[in-house]
Amino acid sequence: MDDDALWTIGELARMTGLTVKTIRFWSDAEVVPPTDRTPAGYRLYGQDALARLGLVRTLRDLGIDLATIQQVLDREISVAEVARAHAEALDVQIRTLRLHRAVLRTVAGRGSTPKETQLMHKLATLSERERRRLIHDFIDSAFGGLDVDATFLAMMRNAMPDLPDEPTTEQLTAWVELAELVQDDGFRAAMRRAAADQVRAREEVGQPDEDAARRLAELIRERTAAARDAGVEPDSAAARPVADELVAECARLCGRADGPEFRAWLLERMRIGHDSGYQRYWELVAVINGWPPAPSLTPAVEWLIAALRSA
């Protein structure tokens, strides 16, 4: 190709596949100025204009504005600097689009009303700081002023629900449910009742050994699961030996004697704890944070509560 060759705007359009209108617009913006003009004033473009046109086309396809392209062409900034800044901006846009997609899929799955959809979008697009403040406000409301165990309170504050930049539909759904839950006055009150009840129970029987408490929880889960698998209803005669064994272990852990008074006390503690929704809170946090699901005590506690009530 002749280095000194000049082409009209129409010829340049045919060579590049761009429209005459696009080339003229870029030329008017002075990002691809003409190399020369004919005596009649028509624009002519040479090799330099052709090269600039190729770069402008590439950068425009990547979404970079003409003003920034002009800075690149004038060597005020480098292509690498532009690419880096643009990539970072695209990262934000992609995260936003993925979040919007997850919201729409959640709305579709839940059959949400317009009001629920608006609330869901608001909750989903909270910043990380706003999400943390929401949880800390809940913890302050539920446990503030109570003599709760310091280790427990630290665990609640440290185990923040951390919604990823690119959440799955399941994670977003869990976050929306959790955000709604921690703002619910009924849930906050139930959690506070359970926490206050735990403080009273600790004053009455002392602080149980944590390892022993974990072993007891596992025993309750195993025994009640076996009973359910065997079709043993909690109000049946076959349930009584299972309930007796578990209650005896609870009494041993608490340093109390098994009997009607202890069973009534234990039933009330289990009922208040179960009604608090505490288990659901941690299930949702696990989904949001991508933690492996922990075995739930809810079915075990429900079975044992029913067995104690029927005794």
C-alpha atoms as a PDB file:
ATOM      1  CA  MET A   1       0.000   0.000   0.000  1.00  0.00           C
ATOM      2  CA  ASP A   2       1.298   3.442  -1.003  1.00  0.00           C
ATOM      3  CA  ASP A   3       2.286   5.359   2.155  1.00  0.00           C
ATOM      4  CA  ASP A   4       1.382   8.614   0.430  1.00  0.00           C
ATOM      5  CA  ALA A   5      -2.047   7.439  -0.684  1.00  0.00           C
ATOM      6  CA  LEU A   6      -5.042   9.555   0.260  1.00  0.00           C
ATOM      7  CA  TRP A   7      -8.632   8.370   0.416  1.00  0.00           C
ATOM      8  CA  THR A   8     -11.952  10.092   0.458  1.00  0.00           C
ATOM      9  CA  ILE A   9     -14.309   9.494   3.370  1.00  0.00           C
ATOM     10  CA  GLY A  10     -16.359   7.133   1.190  1.00  0.00           C
ATOM     11  CA  GLU A  11     -13.298   5.095   0.254  1.00  0.00           C
ATOM     12  CA  LEU A  12     -12.246   4.966   3.902  1.00  0.00           C
ATOM     13  CA  ALA A  13     -15.706   3.708   4.836  1.00  0.00           C
ATOM     14  CA  ARG A  14     -15.485   0.902   2.282  1.00  0.00           C
ATOM     15  CA  MET A  15     -12.001  -0.061   3.485  1.00  0.00           C
ATOM     16  CA  THR A  16     -12.931  -0.208   7.181  1.00  0.00           C
ATOM     17  CA  GLY A  17     -16.570  -1.286   7.120  1.00  0.00           C
ATOM     18  CA  LEU A  18     -17.545   1.782   9.107  1.00  0.00           C
ATOM     19  CA  THR A  19     -20.302   4.119   7.974  1.00  0.00           C
ATOM     20  CA  VAL A  20     -19.534   7.482   6.403  1.00  0.00           C
ATOM     21  CA  LYS A  21     -21.641   9.050   9.157  1.00  0.00           C
ATOM     22  CA  THR A  22     -19.500   7.497  11.918  1.00  0.00           C
ATOM     23  CA  ILE A  23     -16.212   8.536  10.297  1.00  0.00           C
ATOM     24  CA  ARG A  24     -17.508  12.055   9.733  1.00  0.00           C
ATOM     25  CA  PHE A  25     -18.625  12.286  13.381  1.00  0.00           C
ATOM     26  CA  TRP A  26     -15.220  11.164  14.656  1.00  0.00           C
ATOM     27  CA  SER A  27     -13.542  13.516  12.232  1.00  0.00           C
ATOM     28  CA  ASP A  28     -15.673  16.439  13.412  1.00  0.00           C
ATOM     29  CA  ALA A  29     -14.707  15.518  16.983  1.00  0.00           C
ATOM     30  CA  GLU A  30     -11.056  15.760  15.826  1.00  0.00           C
ATOM     31  CA  VAL A  31     -10.116  12.283  16.989  1.00  0.00           C
ATOM     32  CA  VAL A  32      -9.606  11.287  13.336  1.00  0.00           C
ATOM     33  CA  PRO A  33      -8.836  14.570  11.578  1.00  0.00           C
ATOM     34  CA  PRO A  34      -8.402  14.585   7.771  1.00  0.00           C
ATOM     35  CA  THR A  35      -4.877  14.400   6.425  1.00  0.00           C
ATOM     36  CA  ASP A  36      -5.632  16.861   3.641  1.00  0.00           C
ATOM     37  CA  ARG A  37      -8.477  18.332   1.610  1.00  0.00           C
ATOM     38  CA  THR A  38      -9.242  18.536  -2.072  1.00  0.00           C
ATOM     39  CA  PRO A  39      -9.353  21.953  -3.793  1.00  0.00           C
ATOM     40  CA  ALA A  40     -13.142  21.697  -3.379  1.00  0.00           C
ATOM     41  CA  GLY A  41     -12.750  21.200   0.378  1.00  0.00           C
ATOM     42  CA  TYR A  42     -13.534  17.501   0.559  1.00  0.00           C
ATOM     43  CA  ARG A  43     -11.680  15.574   3.247  1.00  0.00           C
ATOM     44  CA  LEU A  44      -8.876  13.216   2.378  1.00  0.00           C
ATOM     45  CA  TYR A  45      -7.363  10.653   4.771  1.00  0.00           C
ATOM     46  CA  GLY A  46      -3.930   9.072   4.723  1.00  0.00           C
ATOM     47  CA  GLN A  47      -2.161   6.204   6.505  1.00  0.00           C
ATOM     48  CA  ASP A  48      -2.014   8.039   9.848  1.00  0.00           C
ATOM     49  CA  ALA A  49      -5.749   8.685   9.768  1.00  0.00           C
ATOM     50  CA  LEU A  50      -6.371   5.021   8.893  1.00  0.00           C
ATOM     51  CA  ALA A  51      -4.292   3.887  11.878  1.00  0.00           C
ATOM     52  CA  ARG A  52      -6.034   6.337  14.211  1.00  0.00           C
ATOM     53  CA  LEU A  53      -9.371   5.169  12.912  1.00  0.00           C
ATOM     54  CA  GLY A  54      -8.509   1.557  13.794  1.00  0.00           C
ATOM     55  CA  LEU A  55      -7.522   2.530  17.360  1.00  0.00           C
ATOM     56  CA  VAL A  56     -10.597   4.714  17.832  1.00  0.00           C
ATOM     57  CA  ARG A  57     -12.839   1.928  16.602  1.00  0.00           C
ATOM     58  CA  THR A  58     -11.272  -0.570  19.031  1.00  0.00           C
ATOM     59  CA  LEU A  59     -11.511   1.758  22.012  1.00  0.00           C
ATOM     60  CA  ARG A  60     -15.092   2.753  21.192  1.00  0.00           C
ATOM     61  CA  ASP A  61     -16.050  -0.936  20.936  1.00  0.00           C
ATOM     62  CA  LEU A  62     -14.673  -1.284  24.469  1.00  0.00           C
ATOM     63  CA  GLY A  63     -16.961   1.517  25.612  1.00  0.00           C
ATOM     64  CA  ILE A  64     -14.373   4.279  26.044  1.00  0.00           C
ATOM     65  CA  ASP A  65     -15.633   7.804  25.416  1.00  0.00           C
ATOM     66  CA  LEU A  66     -14.247  10.075  22.708  1.00  0.00           C
ATOM     67  CA  ALA A  67     -12.772  12.589  25.155  1.00  0.00           C
ATOM     68  CA  THR A  68     -10.645   9.873  26.757  1.00  0.00           C
ATOM     69  CA  ILE A  69      -9.685   8.531  23.337  1.00  0.00           C
ATOM     70  CA  GLN A  70      -8.512  11.999  22.370  1.00  0.00           C
ATOM     71  CA  GLN A  71      -6.276  12.040  25.459  1.00  0.00           C
ATOM     72  CA  VAL A  72      -4.791   8.720  24.385  1.00  0.00           C
ATOM     73  CA  LEU A  73      -4.167   9.975  20.872  1.00  0.00           C
ATOM     74  CA  ASP A  74      -2.597  13.156  22.229  1.00  0.00           C
ATOM     75  CA  ARG A  75      -0.404  10.949  24.479  1.00  0.00           C
ATOM     76  CA  GLU A  76      -1.752  12.601  27.627  1.00  0.00           C
ATOM     77  CA  ILE A  77      -2.562   9.134  29.013  1.00  0.00           C
ATOM     78  CA  SER A  78      -1.538   5.679  27.876  1.00  0.00           C
ATOM     79  CA  VAL A  79      -3.752   2.934  26.522  1.00  0.00           C
ATOM     80  CA  ALA A  80      -2.734   0.811  29.526  1.00  0.00           C
ATOM     81  CA  GLU A  81      -3.956   3.479  31.959  1.00  0.00           C
ATOM     82  CA  VAL A  82      -7.235   3.793  30.114  1.00  0.00           C
ATOM     83  CA  ALA A  83      -7.666   0.023  29.997  1.00  0.00           C
ATOM     84  CA  ARG A  84      -7.001  -0.315  33.713  1.00  0.00           C
ATOM     85  CA  ALA A  85      -9.482   2.399  34.685  1.00  0.00           C
ATOM     86  CA  HIS A  86     -12.100   1.125  32.283  1.00  0.00           C
ATOM     87  CA  ALA A  87     -11.708  -2.455  33.478  1.00  0.00           C
ATOM     88  CA  GLU A  88     -12.285  -1.323  37.067  1.00  0.00           C
ATOM     89  CA  ALA A  89     -15.396   0.583  36.010  1.00  0.00           C
ATOM     90  CA  LEU A  90     -16.655  -2.468  34.138  1.00  0.00           C
ATOM     91  CA  ASP A  91     -16.064  -4.623  37.224  1.00  0.00           C
ATOM     92  CA  VAL A  92     -18.450  -2.381  39.156  1.00  0.00           C
ATOM     93  CA  GLN A  93     -21.017  -2.493  36.354  1.00  0.00           C
ATOM     94  CA  ILE A  94     -20.778  -6.271  36.095  1.00  0.00           C
ATOM     95  CA  ARG A  95     -21.238  -6.717  39.846  1.00  0.00           C
ATOM     96  CA  THR A  96     -24.251  -4.389  39.723  1.00  0.00           C
ATOM     97  CA  LEU A  97     -25.775  -6.240  36.780  1.00  0.00           C
ATOM     98  CA  ARG A  98     -25.260  -9.604  38.443  1.00  0.00           C
ATOM     99  CA  LEU A  99     -26.857  -8.295  41.622  1.00  0.00           C
ATOM    100  CA  HIS A 100     -29.815  -6.974  39.632  1.00  0.00           C
ATOM    101  CA  ARG A 101     -30.096 -10.343  37.883  1.00  0.00           C
ATOM    102  CA  ALA A 102     -30.129 -12.122  41.228  1.00  0.00           C
ATOM    103  CA  VAL A 103     -32.816  -9.746  42.521  1.00  0.00           C
ATOM    104  CA  LEU A 104     -34.979 -10.383  39.441  1.00  0.00           C
ATOM    105  CA  ARG A 105     -34.591 -14.144  39.758  1.00  0.00           C
ATOM    106  CA  THR A 106     -35.487 -13.928  43.447  1.00  0.00           C
ATOM    107  CA  VAL A 107     -38.535 -11.789  42.645  1.00  0.00           C
ATOM    108  CA  ALA A 108     -39.609 -14.289  40.003  1.00  0.00           C
ATOM    109  CA  GLY A 109     -39.108 -17.220  42.362  1.00  0.00           C
ATOM    110  CA  ARG A 110     -40.986 -15.617  45.260  1.00  0.00           C
ATOM    111  CA  GLY A 111     -43.760 -14.093  43.192  1.00  0.00           C
ATOM    112  CA  SER A 112     -43.121 -10.795  44.940  1.00  0.00           C
ATOM    113  CA  THR A 113     -45.489  -7.837  44.865  1.00  0.00           C
ATOM    114  CA  PRO A 114     -44.250  -4.446  43.572  1.00  0.00           C
ATOM    115  CA  LYS A 115     -43.804  -3.261  47.178  1.00  0.00           C
ATOM    116  CA  GLU A 116     -41.843  -6.390  48.112  1.00  0.00           C
ATOM    117  CA  THR A 117     -39.741  -6.029  44.961  1.00  0.00           C
ATOM    118  CA  GLN A 118     -38.847  -2.450  45.874  1.00  0.00           C
ATOM    119  CA  LEU A 119     -37.889  -3.495  49.406  1.00  0.00           C
ATOM    120  CA  MET A 120     -35.874  -6.456  48.138  1.00  0.00           C
ATOM    121  CA  HIS A 121     -33.921  -4.249  45.742  1.00  0.00           C
ATOM    122  CA  LYS A 122     -33.210  -1.767  48.531  1.00  0.00           C
ATOM    123  CA  LEU A 123     -31.974  -4.494  50.881  1.00  0.00           C
ATOM    124  CA  ALA A 124     -29.899  -6.176  48.176  1.00  0.00           C
ATOM    125  CA  THR A 125     -28.096  -2.996  47.166  1.00  0.00           C
ATOM    126  CA  LEU A 126     -27.053  -1.911  50.654  1.00  0.00           C
ATOM    127  CA  SER A 127     -23.349  -1.293  50.968  1.00  0.00           C
ATOM    128  CA  GLU A 128     -21.199  -3.591  53.096  1.00  0.00           C
ATOM    129  CA  ARG A 129     -21.066  -0.915  55.807  1.00  0.00           C
ATOM    130  CA  GLU A 130     -24.853  -0.555  55.763  1.00  0.00           C
ATOM    131  CA  ARG A 131     -25.319  -4.325  55.986  1.00  0.00           C
ATOM    132  CA  ARG A 132     -22.967  -4.545  58.969  1.00  0.00           C
ATOM    133  CA  ARG A 133     -24.728  -1.629  60.681  1.00  0.00           C
ATOM    134  CA  LEU A 134     -28.061  -3.398  60.208  1.00  0.00           C
ATOM    135  CA  ILE A 135     -26.765  -6.524  61.958  1.00  0.00           C
ATOM    136  CA  HIS A 136     -25.026  -4.587  64.738  1.00  0.00           C
ATOM    137  CA  ASP A 137     -28.227  -2.628  65.374  1.00  0.00           C
ATOM    138  CA  PHE A 138     -30.080  -5.924  65.724  1.00  0.00           C
ATOM    139  CA  ILE A 139     -27.472  -7.314  68.144  1.00  0.00           C
ATOM    140  CA  ASP A 140     -27.589  -4.131  70.233  1.00  0.00           C
ATOM    141  CA  SER A 141     -31.383  -4.272  70.346  1.00  0.00           C
ATOM    142  CA  ALA A 142     -31.591  -7.981  71.155  1.00  0.00           C
ATOM    143  CA  PHE A 143     -28.779  -8.264  73.689  1.00  0.00           C
ATOM    144  CA  GLY A 144     -27.951  -4.755  74.899  1.00  0.00           C
ATOM    145  CA  GLY A 145     -28.060  -4.399  78.679  1.00  0.00           C
ATOM    146  CA  LEU A 146     -28.248  -8.158  79.289  1.00  0.00           C
ATOM    147  CA  ASP A 147     -25.510 -10.040  81.077  1.00  0.00           C
ATOM    148  CA  VAL A 148     -25.027 -12.416  78.158  1.00  0.00           C
ATOM    149  CA  ASP A 149     -21.901 -14.498  77.840  1.00  0.00           C
ATOM    150  CA  ALA A 150     -19.091 -12.365  76.384  1.00  0.00           C
ATOM    151  CA  THR A 151     -17.929 -15.201  74.126  1.00  0.00           C
ATOM    152  CA  PHE A 152     -21.411 -15.567  72.667  1.00  0.00           C
ATOM    153  CA  LEU A 153     -21.718 -11.840  72.020  1.00  0.00           C
ATOM    154  CA  ALA A 154     -18.302 -11.754  70.340  1.00  0.00           C
ATOM    155  CA  MET A 155     -19.336 -14.669  68.142  1.00  0.00           C
ATOM    156  CA  MET A 156     -22.500 -12.827  67.071  1.00  0.00           C
ATOM    157  CA  ARG A 157     -20.532  -9.707  66.172  1.00  0.00           C
ATOM    158  CA  ASN A 158     -17.699 -11.523  64.402  1.00  0.00           C
ATOM    159  CA  ALA A 159     -19.872 -13.833  62.310  1.00  0.00           C
ATOM    160  CA  MET A 160     -21.211 -11.124  60.038  1.00  0.00           C
ATOM    161  CA  PRO A 161     -23.277 -12.132  56.992  1.00  0.00           C
ATOM    162  CA  ASP A 162     -20.892 -11.253  54.151  1.00  0.00           C
ATOM    163  CA  LEU A 163     -22.853 -11.004  50.903  1.00  0.00           C
ATOM    164  CA  PRO A 164     -20.433 -11.611  47.991  1.00  0.00           C
ATOM    165  CA  ASP A 165     -20.020  -9.107  45.178  1.00  0.00           C
ATOM    166  CA  GLU A 166     -21.538 -11.703  42.872  1.00  0.00           C
ATOM    167  CA  PRO A 167     -24.146 -13.469  45.024  1.00  0.00           C
ATOM    168  CA  THR A 168     -26.069 -16.499  43.874  1.00  0.00           C
ATOM    169  CA  THR A 169     -29.838 -16.318  43.873  1.00  0.00           C
ATOM    170  CA  GLU A 170     -29.831 -18.481  47.021  1.00  0.00           C
ATOM    171  CA  GLN A 171     -27.426 -16.129  48.807  1.00  0.00           C
ATOM    172  CA  LEU A 172     -29.409 -13.062  47.833  1.00  0.00           C
ATOM    173  CA  THR A 173     -32.689 -14.676  48.897  1.00  0.00           C
ATOM    174  CA  ALA A 174     -31.112 -15.608  52.243  1.00  0.00           C
ATOM    175  CA  TRP A 175     -29.797 -12.069  52.740  1.00  0.00           C
ATOM    176  CA  VAL A 176     -33.176 -10.495  51.995  1.00  0.00           C
ATOM    177  CA  GLU A 177     -34.875 -12.865  54.458  1.00  0.00           C
ATOM    178  CA  LEU A 178     -32.219 -12.182  57.103  1.00  0.00           C
ATOM    179  CA  ALA A 179     -32.416  -8.412  56.608  1.00  0.00           C
ATOM    180  CA  GLU A 180     -36.193  -8.546  56.969  1.00  0.00           C
ATOM    181  CA  LEU A 181     -35.872 -10.828  59.995  1.00  0.00           C
ATOM    182  CA  VAL A 182     -33.425  -8.701  62.003  1.00  0.00           C
ATOM    183  CA  GLN A 183     -35.632  -5.638  61.511  1.00  0.00           C
ATOM    184  CA  ASP A 184     -38.745  -7.457  62.679  1.00  0.00           C
ATOM    185  CA  ASP A 185     -39.771  -6.307  66.165  1.00  0.00           C
ATOM    186  CA  GLY A 186     -41.251  -9.700  66.985  1.00  0.00           C
ATOM    187  CA  PHE A 187     -38.027 -11.502  66.139  1.00  0.00           C
ATOM    188  CA  ARG A 188     -35.935  -9.040  68.125  1.00  0.00           C
ATOM    189  CA  ALA A 189     -38.220  -9.427  71.125  1.00  0.00           C
ATOM    190  CA  ALA A 190     -38.122 -13.240  70.875  1.00  0.00           C
ATOM    191  CA  MET A 191     -34.334 -13.249  70.695  1.00  0.00           C
ATOM    192  CA  ARG A 192     -34.138 -10.919  73.683  1.00  0.00           C
ATOM    193  CA  ARG A 193     -36.500 -13.155  75.687  1.00  0.00           C
ATOM    194  CA  ALA A 194     -34.357 -16.172  74.855  1.00  0.00           C
ATOM    195  CA  ALA A 195     -31.152 -14.353  75.806  1.00  0.00           C
ATOM    196  CA  ALA A 196     -32.645 -13.141  79.098  1.00  0.00           C
ATOM    197  CA  ASP A 197     -33.887 -16.654  79.788  1.00  0.00           C
ATOM    198  CA  GLN A 198     -30.405 -18.054  79.191  1.00  0.00           C
ATOM    199  CA  VAL A 199     -28.986 -15.518  81.658  1.00  0.00           C
ATOM    200  CA  ARG A 200     -31.527 -16.623  84.275  1.00  0.00           C
ATOM    201  CA  ALA A 201     -30.815 -20.293  83.607  1.00  0.00           C
ATOM    202  CA  ARG A 202     -27.093 -19.692  84.003  1.00  0.00           C
ATOM    203  CA  GLU A 203     -27.724 -17.982  87.333  1.00  0.00           C
ATOM    204  CA  GLU A 204     -29.828 -20.935  88.472  1.00  0.00           C
ATOM    205  CA  VAL A 205     -27.637 -23.856  87.368  1.00  0.00           C
ATOM    206  CA  GLY A 206     -24.309 -22.253  86.540  1.00  0.00           C
ATOM    207  CA  GLN A 207     -22.425 -22.109  83.257  1.00  0.00           C
ATOM    208  CA  PRO A 208     -22.422 -25.615  81.686  1.00  0.00           C
ATOM    209  CA  ASP A 209     -19.228 -27.096  80.315  1.00  0.00           C
ATOM    210  CA  GLU A 210     -19.131 -26.215  76.594  1.00  0.00           C
ATOM    211  CA  ASP A 211     -17.742 -29.554  75.458  1.00  0.00           C
ATOM    212  CA  ALA A 212     -20.312 -31.427  77.519  1.00  0.00           C
ATOM    213  CA  ALA A 213     -23.066 -29.196  76.103  1.00  0.00           C
ATOM    214  CA  ARG A 214     -21.934 -29.941  72.547  1.00  0.00           C
ATOM    215  CA  ARG A 215     -21.883 -33.694  73.258  1.00  0.00           C
ATOM    216  CA  LEU A 216     -25.379 -33.480  74.696  1.00  0.00           C
ATOM    217  CA  ALA A 217     -26.639 -31.580  71.641  1.00  0.00           C
ATOM    218  CA  GLU A 218     -25.202 -34.264  69.389  1.00  0.00           C
ATOM    219  CA  LEU A 219     -26.773 -37.001  71.514  1.00  0.00           C
ATOM    220  CA  ILE A 220     -30.176 -35.296  71.307  1.00  0.00           C
ATOM    221  CA  ARG A 221     -29.801 -34.980  67.542  1.00  0.00           C
ATOM    222  CA  GLU A 222     -28.802 -38.643  67.124  1.00  0.00           C
ATOM    223  CA  ARG A 223     -31.430 -40.159  69.432  1.00  0.00           C
ATOM    224  CA  THR A 224     -34.347 -38.121  68.117  1.00  0.00           C
ATOM    225  CA  ALA A 225     -33.266 -38.696  64.496  1.00  0.00           C
ATOM    226  CA  ALA A 226     -33.201 -42.448  65.102  1.00  0.00           C
ATOM    227  CA  ALA A 227     -36.647 -42.245  66.698  1.00  0.00           C
ATOM    228  CA  ARG A 228     -38.071 -40.251  63.788  1.00  0.00           C
ATOM    229  CA  ASP A 229     -36.507 -42.608  61.257  1.00  0.00           C
ATOM    230  CA  ALA A 230     -38.128 -45.519  63.100  1.00  0.00           C
ATOM    231  CA  GLY A 231     -41.490 -43.774  62.955  1.00  0.00           C
ATOM    232  CA  VAL A 232     -41.667 -43.196  66.716  1.00  0.00           C
ATOM    233  CA  GLU A 233     -44.135 -40.398  67.432  1.00  0.00           C
ATOM    234  CA  PRO A 234     -43.127 -38.125  70.344  1.00  0.00           C
ATOM    235  CA  ASP A 235     -46.467 -38.695  72.117  1.00  0.00           C
ATOM    236  CA  SER A 236     -46.213 -42.503  71.922  1.00  0.00           C
ATOM    237  CA  ALA A 237     -45.156 -44.963  74.612  1.00  0.00           C
ATOM    238  CA  ALA A 238     -42.135 -45.894  72.486  1.00  0.00           C
ATOM    239  CA  ALA A 239     -40.874 -42.310  72.762  1.00  0.00           C
ATOM    240  CA  ARG A 240     -40.731 -42.358  76.556  1.00  0.00           C
ATOM    241  CA  PRO A 241     -37.404 -44.239  76.977  1.00  0.00           C
ATOM    242  CA  VAL A 242     -35.738 -41.896  74.481  1.00  0.00           C
ATOM    243  CA  ALA A 243     -37.088 -38.801  76.217  1.00  0.00           C
ATOM    244  CA  ASP A 244     -36.170 -40.192  79.652  1.00  0.00           C
ATOM    245  CA  GLU A 245     -32.575 -40.792  78.559  1.00  0.00           C
ATOM    246  CA  LEU A 246     -32.193 -37.316  77.086  1.00  0.00           C
ATOM    247  CA  VAL A 247     -33.825 -35.537  80.014  1.00  0.00           C
ATOM    248  CA  ALA A 248     -31.580 -37.439  82.432  1.00  0.00           C
ATOM    249  CA  GLU A 249     -28.529 -36.244  80.486  1.00  0.00           C
ATOM    250  CA  CYS A 250     -29.839 -32.668  80.550  1.00  0.00           C
ATOM    251  CA  ALA A 251     -30.346 -32.910  84.319  1.00  0.00           C
ATOM    252  CA  ARG A 252     -26.816 -34.240  84.761  1.00  0.00           C
ATOM    253  CA  LEU A 253     -25.369 -31.369  82.727  1.00  0.00           C
ATOM    254  CA  CYS A 254     -27.328 -28.836  84.806  1.00  0.00           C
ATOM    255  CA  GLY A 255     -26.473 -30.501  88.103  1.00  0.00           C
ATOM    256  CA  ARG A 256     -30.154 -31.007  88.849  1.00  0.00           C
ATOM    257  CA  ALA A 257     -32.256 -34.032  89.779  1.00  0.00           C
ATOM    258  CA  ASP A 258     -34.603 -35.368  87.124  1.00  0.00           C
ATOM    259  CA  GLY A 259     -38.245 -35.087  88.046  1.00  0.00           C
ATOM    260  CA  PRO A 260     -41.475 -33.181  87.297  1.00  0.00           C
ATOM    261  CA  GLU A 261     -40.075 -29.860  88.490  1.00  0.00           C
ATOM    262  CA  PHE A 262     -36.917 -30.155  86.386  1.00  0.00           C
ATOM    263  CA  ARG A 263     -38.881 -31.357  83.359  1.00  0.00           C
ATOM    264  CA  ALA A 264     -41.200 -28.363  83.545  1.00  0.00           C
ATOM    265  CA  TRP A 265     -38.165 -26.092  83.884  1.00  0.00           C
ATOM    266  CA  LEU A 266     -36.396 -27.768  80.943  1.00  0.00           C
ATOM    267  CA  LEU A 267     -39.508 -27.637  78.742  1.00  0.00           C
ATOM    268  CA  GLU A 268     -39.860 -23.914  79.326  1.00  0.00           C
ATOM    269  CA  ARG A 269     -36.182 -23.295  78.505  1.00  0.00           C
ATOM    270  CA  MET A 270     -36.434 -25.335  75.287  1.00  0.00           C
ATOM    271  CA  ARG A 271     -39.689 -23.686  74.231  1.00  0.00           C
ATOM    272  CA  ILE A 272     -38.364 -20.155  74.664  1.00  0.00           C
ATOM    273  CA  GLY A 273     -35.140 -20.998  72.844  1.00  0.00           C
ATOM    274  CA  HIS A 274     -36.961 -22.746  70.001  1.00  0.00           C
ATOM    275  CA  ASP A 275     -39.455 -19.895  69.536  1.00  0.00           C
ATOM    276  CA  SER A 276     -36.675 -17.312  69.261  1.00  0.00           C
ATOM    277  CA  GLY A 277     -35.788 -18.126  65.647  1.00  0.00           C
ATOM    278  CA  TYR A 278     -32.115 -18.305  66.608  1.00  0.00           C
ATOM    279  CA  GLN A 279     -31.557 -21.444  64.520  1.00  0.00           C
ATOM    280  CA  ARG A 280     -32.997 -19.790  61.413  1.00  0.00           C
ATOM    281  CA  TYR A 281     -30.713 -16.790  61.871  1.00  0.00           C
ATOM    282  CA  TRP A 282     -27.622 -18.993  61.682  1.00  0.00           C
ATOM    283  CA  GLU A 283     -28.982 -21.045  58.793  1.00  0.00           C
ATOM    284  CA  LEU A 284     -29.343 -17.855  56.757  1.00  0.00           C
ATOM    285  CA  VAL A 285     -25.888 -16.569  57.736  1.00  0.00           C
ATOM    286  CA  ALA A 286     -24.383 -19.895  56.613  1.00  0.00           C
ATOM    287  CA  VAL A 287     -26.050 -19.645  53.190  1.00  0.00           C
ATOM    288  CA  ILE A 288     -24.947 -16.023  52.704  1.00  0.00           C
ATOM    289  CA  ASN A 289     -21.343 -16.746  53.713  1.00  0.00           C
ATOM    290  CA  GLY A 290     -21.123 -19.956  51.710  1.00  0.00           C
ATOM    291  CA  TRP A 291     -20.487 -22.073  54.794  1.00  0.00           C
ATOM    292  CA  PRO A 292     -21.253 -25.792  54.679  1.00  0.00           C
ATOM    293  CA  PRO A 293     -24.693 -26.367  56.206  1.00  0.00           C
ATOM    294  CA  ALA A 294     -24.511 -27.372  59.864  1.00  0.00           C
ATOM    295  CA  PRO A 295     -26.809 -30.134  61.126  1.00  0.00           C
ATOM    296  CA  SER A 296     -29.959 -28.474  62.415  1.00  0.00           C
ATOM    297  CA  LEU A 297     -31.174 -29.073  65.959  1.00  0.00           C
ATOM    298  CA  THR A 298     -34.657 -27.795  65.120  1.00  0.00           C
ATOM    299  CA  PRO A 299     -36.280 -31.183  64.307  1.00  0.00           C
ATOM    300  CA  ALA A 300     -34.651 -32.720  67.404  1.00  0.00           C
ATOM    301  CA  VAL A 301     -35.817 -29.940  69.712  1.00  0.00           C
ATOM    302  CA  GLU A 302     -39.339 -30.019  68.266  1.00  0.00           C
ATOM    303  CA  TRP A 303     -39.538 -33.795  68.811  1.00  0.00           C
ATOM    304  CA  LEU A 304     -38.253 -33.574  72.387  1.00  0.00           C
ATOM    305  CA  ILE A 305     -40.579 -30.648  73.243  1.00  0.00           C
ATOM    306  CA  ALA A 306     -43.541 -32.653  71.956  1.00  0.00           C
ATOM    307  CA  ALA A 307     -42.401 -35.704  73.956  1.00  0.00           C
ATOM    308  CA  LEU A 308     -42.095 -33.698  77.179  1.00  0.00           C
ATOM    309  CA  ARG A 309     -45.501 -32.086  76.687  1.00  0.00           C
ATOM    310  CA  SER A 310     -47.186 -35.454  76.200  1.00  0.00           C
ATOM    311  CA  ALA A 311     -45.532 -37.122  79.223  1.00  0.00           C
END
